[in-house]
Amino acid sequence: MHEFELIRNYFQKLSKKSASSLNLNDDVFFDKKNKLVISVDTYVEGNHFINFKKPDLVIKKIIRSSISDLICKGVQPKYYFISGSGNKKSFSKSNLSKISKSLNQEQNKYKIFLSGGDTVFSNKLSFTITSVGFANDVIFRNRAKVNDDIYISGNLGDSYLGLLVLKNKIKLNNSLSRYFTNQYFLPNIQLKLVDQLKKFANTSIDISDGLLSDLDKMINAQRLSYKIHLKSIPISNNLKKILNLKKLSKINYISRGDDYQVLFTAPKSKRGIIMKTSVKIGVRITRIGLIQKNIHKSSIVDHNDTVISVKNKGYLHKF
């Protein structure tokens, strides 16, 4: 089974009496009456991060990816809880000092507050983060409309190249290596979009598992499809440089996950306000495609409108 089959077959029915659980088919729990929004994420060494040689950076990546779930819903994160399992090597005094310092920096950067958690001895290192915010409304999944434009914030692909550098699967000079590994460890999550998204987005999700994989999740309960233009997908100048230099294909880098950008749809009538917002808050927002009726198969096309075959649509947990 993959993760969504597991949830659907064994746990979805347990949430039926809790409307706030959103049928376990969204990024968050949303209690409208109490304006309460909660997300939970778990990160396991060897799966969500390679190793713990840089605990200061790993913990920042974890915090940012966790509060990203609230940000893409148009919710300001406020509190977080962190639970960790590890041993005396992973939780050495040196590592704990680095973790504490990084958490303090992230708290100051994003105006969030540590509010509790748990610690457990284990030879398998993992962290679970619960992020909490408050809002009158959120932007749900599965609310896309036919002919909606599809947008993405920021750039895609840098994080995946950073992962390849860390795995020694690609060799770059020191400057570019630092750039891409920083993009992997320190995703540029779009907090500035929090107060803007509700003005134009019909539906949204953050890019954690990959552009195409997360697009499928965003519209998974709707009889809809998408058409994405490869040339429109935004990438950094540094990634463009590497793709050209090493003759690599863009398609293999834009849907591998860990970008934590905001993916959303909006009506064509909102194009003007979206572009004005992009300029006003200094966040790149790019229109990359269109939502269609499902009589058309979801696709990504090149500059000739030819459908491109994609071998890897993103990450999927399998059990």
Protein backbone atom coordinates (compact mmCIF):
# COMPACT_ATOMS: atom_id res chain seq x y z
CA MET A 1 0.00 0.00 0.00
CA HIS A 2 1.00 3.62 -0.42
CA GLU A 3 0.29 6.13 2.34
CA PHE A 4 -3.03 7.33 0.96
CA GLU A 5 -4.41 3.81 0.57
CA LEU A 6 -3.39 3.12 4.15
CA ILE A 7 -5.20 6.22 5.42
CA ARG A 8 -8.29 5.60 3.27
CA ASN A 9 -8.62 1.90 4.13
CA TYR A 10 -7.88 1.98 7.85
CA PHE A 11 -8.16 5.44 9.38
CA GLN A 12 -10.42 7.71 7.34
CA LYS A 13 -13.58 6.19 8.79
CA LEU A 14 -12.38 7.01 12.31
CA SER A 15 -12.52 10.74 11.51
CA LYS A 16 -16.06 10.83 10.08
CA LYS A 17 -17.57 12.44 13.19
CA SER A 18 -14.93 15.19 13.22
CA ALA A 19 -15.55 17.67 10.41
CA SER A 20 -12.42 19.52 11.52
CA SER A 21 -10.31 16.53 10.44
CA LEU A 22 -11.20 17.32 6.80
CA ASN A 23 -11.65 13.60 6.10
CA LEU A 24 -7.89 13.16 6.67
CA ASN A 25 -7.42 14.52 3.15
CA ASP A 26 -5.65 17.79 3.74
CA ASP A 27 -2.47 19.16 5.28
CA VAL A 28 -4.13 20.36 8.46
CA PHE A 29 -6.81 19.95 11.11
CA PHE A 30 -9.09 23.02 11.09
CA ASP A 31 -11.54 23.74 13.90
CA LYS A 32 -13.43 26.73 12.50
CA LYS A 33 -15.35 27.41 15.72
CA ASN A 34 -12.15 27.80 17.75
CA LYS A 35 -10.12 29.15 14.79
CA LEU A 36 -7.56 26.41 15.49
CA VAL A 37 -5.24 24.99 12.80
CA ILE A 38 -2.85 22.08 13.44
CA SER A 39 -0.43 20.05 11.33
CA VAL A 40 1.79 17.09 12.30
CA ASP A 41 4.89 15.80 10.49
CA THR A 42 7.44 13.09 11.29
CA TYR A 43 11.02 13.01 9.98
CA VAL A 44 13.19 9.90 10.08
CA GLU A 45 16.96 9.71 9.55
CA GLY A 46 17.85 7.97 6.31
CA ASN A 47 14.44 8.78 4.88
CA HIS A 48 13.68 12.49 5.30
CA PHE A 49 17.29 13.52 5.90
CA ILE A 50 20.46 11.64 4.99
CA ASN A 51 22.24 11.73 8.34
CA PHE A 52 22.74 13.91 11.41
CA LYS A 53 26.23 15.21 10.67
CA LYS A 54 24.83 18.75 10.55
CA PRO A 55 22.19 18.82 13.32
CA ASP A 56 21.96 22.61 13.21
CA LEU A 57 20.88 22.52 9.56
CA VAL A 58 18.73 19.38 9.75
CA ILE A 59 16.61 20.85 12.54
CA LYS A 60 16.08 24.06 10.55
CA LYS A 61 14.95 22.07 7.53
CA ILE A 62 12.51 20.15 9.70
CA ILE A 63 11.02 23.26 11.30
CA ARG A 64 10.60 25.05 7.97
CA SER A 65 9.02 22.09 6.22
CA SER A 66 6.61 21.68 9.14
CA ILE A 67 5.33 25.26 9.31
CA SER A 68 5.13 25.23 5.51
CA ASP A 69 1.96 23.14 5.92
CA LEU A 70 0.28 26.07 7.67
CA ILE A 71 1.71 28.75 5.39
CA CYS A 72 0.26 27.15 2.24
CA LYS A 73 -3.16 27.21 3.93
CA GLY A 74 -2.87 30.96 4.49
CA VAL A 75 -2.25 30.52 8.22
CA GLN A 76 0.44 32.23 10.31
CA PRO A 77 2.26 29.58 12.42
CA LYS A 78 2.32 30.47 16.11
CA TYR A 79 3.38 27.51 18.27
CA TYR A 80 5.27 24.29 17.66
CA PHE A 81 5.84 21.10 19.64
CA ILE A 82 8.86 18.89 18.98
CA SER A 83 9.31 15.24 19.94
CA GLY A 84 12.57 13.46 19.29
CA SER A 85 13.81 9.88 19.53
CA GLY A 86 17.55 9.28 19.61
CA ASN A 87 20.52 8.00 21.57
CA LYS A 88 23.55 9.52 23.35
CA LYS A 89 25.37 9.94 20.04
CA SER A 90 22.61 11.82 18.22
CA PHE A 91 21.67 13.74 21.38
CA SER A 92 25.18 14.54 22.56
CA LYS A 93 25.72 17.79 24.47
CA SER A 94 27.33 19.29 21.37
CA ASN A 95 24.41 18.33 19.13
CA LEU A 96 21.81 19.46 21.65
CA SER A 97 23.54 22.84 21.92
CA LYS A 98 23.46 23.22 18.13
CA ILE A 99 19.80 22.14 17.99
CA SER A 100 18.85 24.64 20.69
CA LYS A 101 20.68 27.47 18.94
CA SER A 102 19.04 26.68 15.58
CA LEU A 103 15.57 26.49 17.12
CA ASN A 104 16.10 29.89 18.72
CA GLN A 105 17.13 31.34 15.34
CA GLU A 106 14.06 29.85 13.64
CA GLN A 107 11.80 31.15 16.39
CA ASN A 108 13.14 34.67 15.89
CA LYS A 109 12.92 34.42 12.11
CA TYR A 110 9.34 33.10 11.93
CA LYS A 111 7.93 34.44 15.23
CA ILE A 112 7.04 30.97 16.51
CA PHE A 113 7.35 29.56 20.03
CA LEU A 114 8.37 26.15 21.36
CA SER A 115 5.46 24.96 23.49
CA GLY A 116 6.15 21.34 24.42
CA GLY A 117 7.12 17.93 23.13
CA ASP A 118 8.71 14.68 24.24
CA THR A 119 12.08 12.89 24.20
CA VAL A 120 12.51 9.14 23.85
CA PHE A 121 15.59 6.92 23.80
CA SER A 122 15.96 5.02 20.53
CA ASN A 123 18.72 3.92 18.20
CA LYS A 124 16.60 5.25 15.32
CA LEU A 125 16.73 9.03 15.10
CA SER A 126 13.45 10.78 14.33
CA PHE A 127 11.58 14.00 15.05
CA THR A 128 7.87 14.77 15.09
CA ILE A 129 6.74 18.39 14.83
CA THR A 130 3.25 19.65 15.63
CA SER A 131 2.63 23.16 14.29
CA VAL A 132 -0.24 25.30 15.54
CA GLY A 133 -1.82 28.48 14.19
CA PHE A 134 -5.11 30.37 14.39
CA ALA A 135 -7.32 31.54 11.53
CA ASN A 136 -10.92 32.28 10.61
CA ASP A 137 -10.55 30.35 7.36
CA VAL A 138 -8.04 28.19 5.53
CA ILE A 139 -7.43 27.38 1.87
CA PHE A 140 -8.49 23.76 1.40
CA ARG A 141 -7.37 21.08 -0.98
CA ASN A 142 -9.81 19.85 -3.62
CA ARG A 143 -11.36 23.26 -4.32
CA ALA A 144 -9.89 23.83 -7.78
CA LYS A 145 -12.18 24.97 -10.60
CA VAL A 146 -12.10 24.08 -14.28
CA ASN A 147 -9.98 26.65 -16.16
CA ASP A 148 -8.20 27.78 -13.00
CA ASP A 149 -4.64 28.90 -13.57
CA ILE A 150 -1.96 26.92 -11.72
CA TYR A 151 0.74 28.90 -9.92
CA ILE A 152 3.94 28.18 -8.03
CA SER A 153 5.94 30.43 -5.74
CA GLY A 154 9.73 30.68 -5.87
CA ASN A 155 11.88 28.21 -7.81
CA LEU A 156 11.88 24.42 -8.05
CA GLY A 157 14.71 21.91 -8.31
CA ASP A 158 17.50 23.51 -6.26
CA SER A 159 16.84 21.29 -3.25
CA TYR A 160 17.05 18.09 -5.27
CA LEU A 161 20.36 19.13 -6.79
CA GLY A 162 21.57 19.93 -3.28
CA LEU A 163 20.63 16.40 -2.23
CA LEU A 164 22.64 14.97 -5.14
CA VAL A 165 25.63 17.04 -4.05
CA LEU A 166 25.33 15.74 -0.48
CA LYS A 167 25.16 12.18 -1.82
CA ASN A 168 28.25 12.82 -3.97
CA LYS A 169 26.27 12.02 -7.10
CA ILE A 170 27.21 15.28 -8.79
CA LYS A 171 30.40 17.33 -8.51
CA LEU A 172 30.32 21.15 -8.43
CA ASN A 173 32.71 23.89 -7.39
CA ASN A 174 32.65 25.00 -3.74
CA SER A 175 30.50 28.06 -4.32
CA LEU A 176 27.76 26.20 -6.21
CA SER A 177 27.94 23.25 -3.81
CA ARG A 178 27.26 25.60 -0.89
CA TYR A 179 24.40 27.28 -2.75
CA PHE A 180 22.58 24.04 -3.57
CA THR A 181 23.15 22.34 -0.20
CA ASN A 182 21.86 25.48 1.52
CA GLN A 183 18.76 25.32 -0.67
CA TYR A 184 18.30 21.73 0.52
CA PHE A 185 18.78 22.44 4.22
CA LEU A 186 17.28 25.94 4.33
CA PRO A 187 14.23 26.06 2.02
CA ASN A 188 13.01 29.58 1.34
CA ILE A 189 9.48 29.13 2.64
CA GLN A 190 7.12 31.95 1.66
CA LEU A 191 5.86 33.44 4.92
CA LYS A 192 5.13 36.71 3.08
CA LEU A 193 2.36 34.92 1.18
CA VAL A 194 0.39 34.00 4.32
CA ASP A 195 -1.74 37.14 4.40
CA GLN A 196 -2.14 37.28 0.62
CA LEU A 197 -3.17 33.78 -0.50
CA LYS A 198 -6.80 33.99 0.61
CA LYS A 199 -7.30 36.99 -1.67
CA PHE A 200 -6.99 34.85 -4.79
CA ALA A 201 -6.32 31.11 -4.25
CA ASN A 202 -9.10 28.54 -4.70
CA THR A 203 -6.97 25.65 -3.45
CA SER A 204 -3.38 25.15 -2.32
CA ILE A 205 -0.68 22.78 -1.06
CA ASP A 206 3.04 23.02 -0.38
CA ILE A 207 5.61 21.25 -2.55
CA SER A 208 7.03 18.58 -0.27
CA ASP A 209 6.93 15.36 -2.31
CA GLY A 210 7.25 16.89 -5.79
CA LEU A 211 5.35 19.21 -8.15
CA LEU A 212 3.39 16.53 -10.03
CA SER A 213 2.85 14.31 -7.01
CA ASP A 214 1.53 17.24 -4.97
CA LEU A 215 -0.64 18.45 -7.86
CA ASP A 216 -2.29 15.03 -7.88
CA LYS A 217 -2.85 15.30 -4.12
CA MET A 218 -4.24 18.81 -4.36
CA ILE A 219 -7.06 17.74 -6.71
CA ASN A 220 -7.30 14.06 -5.74
CA ALA A 221 -10.99 14.06 -4.80
CA GLN A 222 -12.08 16.03 -7.85
CA ARG A 223 -12.84 14.91 -11.38
CA LEU A 224 -10.22 17.22 -12.81
CA SER A 225 -6.83 17.08 -14.51
CA TYR A 226 -3.99 19.49 -15.17
CA LYS A 227 -1.81 20.66 -18.03
CA ILE A 228 1.63 21.99 -17.10
CA HIS A 229 4.06 23.81 -19.41
CA LEU A 230 7.63 22.71 -18.71
CA LYS A 231 9.13 25.95 -20.05
CA SER A 232 7.05 27.96 -17.54
CA ILE A 233 8.25 26.10 -14.45
CA PRO A 234 10.59 28.52 -12.63
CA ILE A 235 14.15 27.46 -11.83
CA SER A 236 17.06 29.46 -10.45
CA ASN A 237 19.82 30.86 -12.65
CA ASN A 238 22.25 28.56 -10.84
CA LEU A 239 20.22 25.46 -11.69
CA LYS A 240 19.80 26.65 -15.27
CA LYS A 241 23.57 27.05 -15.48
CA ILE A 242 24.21 23.50 -14.23
CA LEU A 243 21.60 21.94 -16.51
CA ASN A 244 23.17 23.63 -19.53
CA LEU A 245 26.75 22.92 -18.48
CA LYS A 246 26.20 19.23 -17.77
CA LYS A 247 23.54 18.74 -20.47
CA LEU A 248 20.93 17.59 -17.96
CA SER A 249 17.17 17.53 -18.55
CA LYS A 250 15.00 20.05 -16.69
CA ILE A 251 12.16 17.53 -16.41
CA ASN A 252 14.26 15.36 -14.09
CA TYR A 253 14.76 18.16 -11.55
CA ILE A 254 11.45 19.99 -11.16
CA SER A 255 9.36 17.35 -9.43
CA ARG A 256 11.62 15.62 -6.93
CA GLY A 257 10.33 17.32 -3.78
CA ASP A 258 11.70 19.19 -0.76
CA ASP A 259 11.06 22.60 -2.36
CA TYR A 260 8.40 23.77 0.15
CA GLN A 261 7.06 26.36 -2.25
CA VAL A 262 3.34 27.15 -2.41
CA LEU A 263 1.37 25.51 -5.22
CA PHE A 264 -2.09 26.98 -5.79
CA THR A 265 -4.83 27.55 -8.33
CA ALA A 266 -6.76 30.76 -8.99
CA PRO A 267 -9.34 32.07 -11.48
CA LYS A 268 -8.11 33.87 -14.60
CA SER A 269 -9.77 37.02 -13.24
CA LYS A 270 -7.15 37.09 -10.46
CA ARG A 271 -4.10 37.31 -12.76
CA GLY A 272 -3.71 41.04 -12.20
CA ILE A 273 -3.86 40.98 -8.41
CA ILE A 274 -1.50 37.98 -8.27
CA MET A 275 1.17 39.74 -10.31
CA LYS A 276 0.76 42.95 -8.27
CA THR A 277 1.06 40.94 -5.07
CA SER A 278 4.21 39.24 -6.36
CA VAL A 279 5.86 42.63 -6.97
CA LYS A 280 4.57 44.15 -3.72
CA ILE A 281 5.86 41.44 -1.37
CA GLY A 282 8.93 40.50 -3.41
CA VAL A 283 8.00 36.85 -3.94
CA ARG A 284 8.29 35.21 -7.36
CA ILE A 285 4.90 33.81 -8.41
CA THR A 286 4.72 32.02 -11.76
CA ARG A 287 1.75 30.77 -13.76
CA ILE A 288 2.69 27.29 -15.00
CA GLY A 289 -0.47 25.65 -16.29
CA LEU A 290 -4.21 25.10 -16.26
CA ILE A 291 -6.84 22.97 -14.51
CA GLN A 292 -8.98 20.96 -16.98
CA LYS A 293 -11.91 18.59 -17.01
CA ASN A 294 -10.79 15.00 -16.51
CA ILE A 295 -11.77 14.03 -20.06
CA HIS A 296 -8.21 15.22 -20.66
CA LYS A 297 -5.36 13.26 -19.10
CA SER A 298 -3.09 15.17 -16.71
CA SER A 299 0.08 16.08 -18.55
CA ILE A 300 3.24 18.14 -18.72
CA VAL A 301 4.11 19.46 -22.19
CA ASP A 302 7.14 20.98 -23.94
CA HIS A 303 7.32 24.17 -26.03
CA ASN A 304 5.72 22.32 -28.97
CA ASP A 305 2.78 21.24 -26.79
CA THR A 306 4.06 17.65 -26.96
CA VAL A 307 3.41 15.52 -23.88
CA ILE A 308 6.59 14.66 -21.98
CA SER A 309 7.02 11.29 -20.33
CA VAL A 310 7.90 11.66 -16.64
CA LYS A 311 9.61 8.71 -14.97
CA ASN A 312 9.53 10.13 -11.44
CA LYS A 313 6.54 12.25 -10.41
CA GLY A 314 7.80 12.69 -6.85
CA TYR A 315 8.10 10.89 -3.54
CA LEU A 316 5.48 8.43 -2.27
CA HIS A 317 5.62 6.53 1.01
CA LYS A 318 5.03 2.83 0.44
CA PHE A 319 4.34 0.23 3.13
